[in-house]
Amino acid sequence: MAGKVKYIAEHYTSTGTTYYYKQQILKDTAPFWSKPRPISEKTYNKAKTRGEVCEYLEIKRNVADVISFDELLRYKMLREELKNNG
């Protein structure tokens, strides 16, 4: 049996990307939230306009450093050398 619905927007500040989901409270023996299901930005905005429960989450994470394969090999060799001489 499906019950209350909430709409979620997760905005990642590092990339500027926003993902939209909806969740429902499911009721069997104990109420719990369903798995988040992807929705469109349009659906999220319509729900917000209708006054539905909407959450906006701003997620701050660092962007990953990208290194070349050569840098990785040099790092591994240096680490091994320090390990053996250390």
Protein backbone atom coordinates (compact mmCIF):
# COMPACT_ATOMS: atom_id res chain seq x y z
CA MET A 1 0.00 0.00 0.00
CA ALA A 2 1.50 3.36 -1.01
CA GLY A 3 1.17 6.45 1.16
CA LYS A 4 2.82 9.81 1.49
CA VAL A 5 5.28 10.97 -1.19
CA LYS A 6 8.30 13.28 -0.95
CA TYR A 7 10.35 14.74 -3.77
CA ILE A 8 14.11 15.21 -3.47
CA ALA A 9 16.60 17.35 -5.39
CA GLU A 10 20.29 16.61 -4.76
CA HIS A 11 22.56 19.39 -6.03
CA TYR A 12 26.29 18.61 -6.21
CA THR A 13 28.15 21.91 -5.93
CA SER A 14 31.44 20.48 -7.24
CA THR A 15 29.95 19.64 -10.65
CA GLY A 16 26.84 21.82 -10.70
CA THR A 17 24.71 18.74 -11.41
CA THR A 18 21.29 18.19 -9.84
CA TYR A 19 19.56 14.80 -9.58
CA TYR A 20 15.84 14.45 -8.86
CA TYR A 21 14.09 11.60 -7.01
CA LYS A 22 10.80 10.70 -5.39
CA GLN A 23 10.19 8.43 -2.41
CA GLN A 24 7.01 6.97 -0.94
CA ILE A 25 6.21 5.77 2.56
CA LEU A 26 5.27 2.12 2.29
CA LYS A 27 3.06 0.60 4.98
CA ASP A 28 2.97 -3.08 5.73
CA THR A 29 3.73 -3.87 9.33
CA ALA A 30 5.94 -0.81 9.91
CA PRO A 31 6.18 2.35 7.77
CA PHE A 32 9.44 2.91 5.89
CA TRP A 33 10.65 4.93 2.90
CA SER A 34 10.89 3.23 -0.47
CA LYS A 35 14.02 3.28 -2.59
CA PRO A 36 14.50 6.71 -4.26
CA ARG A 37 13.18 6.62 -7.84
CA PRO A 38 14.59 9.01 -10.48
CA ILE A 39 12.24 11.69 -11.80
CA SER A 40 12.62 14.68 -14.13
CA GLU A 41 13.26 18.26 -13.09
CA LYS A 42 9.83 19.09 -14.57
CA THR A 43 8.10 16.57 -12.27
CA TYR A 44 9.98 17.97 -9.24
CA ASN A 45 8.98 21.56 -10.11
CA LYS A 46 5.30 20.57 -10.64
CA ALA A 47 5.25 18.87 -7.22
CA LYS A 48 6.82 21.96 -5.64
CA THR A 49 4.19 24.19 -7.29
CA ARG A 50 1.39 21.92 -5.97
CA GLY A 51 2.77 22.29 -2.43
CA GLU A 52 3.99 18.70 -2.11
CA VAL A 53 6.80 17.84 0.34
CA CYS A 54 10.04 18.74 -1.47
CA GLU A 55 13.60 18.57 -0.14
CA TYR A 56 16.58 20.38 -1.67
CA LEU A 57 19.92 18.92 -0.59
CA GLU A 58 23.16 20.70 -1.40
CA ILE A 59 25.98 18.17 -1.41
CA LYS A 60 29.52 19.50 -1.16
CA ARG A 61 32.24 17.10 -2.28
CA ASN A 62 35.67 17.73 -3.68
CA VAL A 63 36.25 17.02 -7.34
CA ALA A 64 38.53 14.00 -7.81
CA ASP A 65 42.13 14.57 -8.83
CA VAL A 66 42.95 12.97 -12.17
CA ILE A 67 46.50 11.70 -12.54
CA SER A 68 48.24 10.12 -15.49
CA PHE A 69 49.29 6.49 -15.55
CA ASP A 70 52.97 7.60 -15.54
CA GLU A 71 52.39 9.58 -12.34
CA LEU A 72 50.77 6.56 -10.77
CA LEU A 73 53.75 4.35 -11.64
CA ARG A 74 56.23 6.93 -10.27
CA TYR A 75 54.21 7.17 -7.05
CA LYS A 76 54.13 3.38 -6.67
CA MET A 77 57.89 3.10 -7.31
CA LEU A 78 58.65 5.89 -4.81
CA ARG A 79 56.41 4.29 -2.21
CA GLU A 80 58.10 0.91 -2.72
CA GLU A 81 61.53 2.53 -2.46
CA LEU A 82 60.62 4.29 0.79
CA LYS A 83 59.20 1.04 2.15
CA ASN A 84 62.42 -0.89 1.40
CA ASN A 85 64.80 1.82 2.65
CA GLY A 86 62.64 3.14 5.46
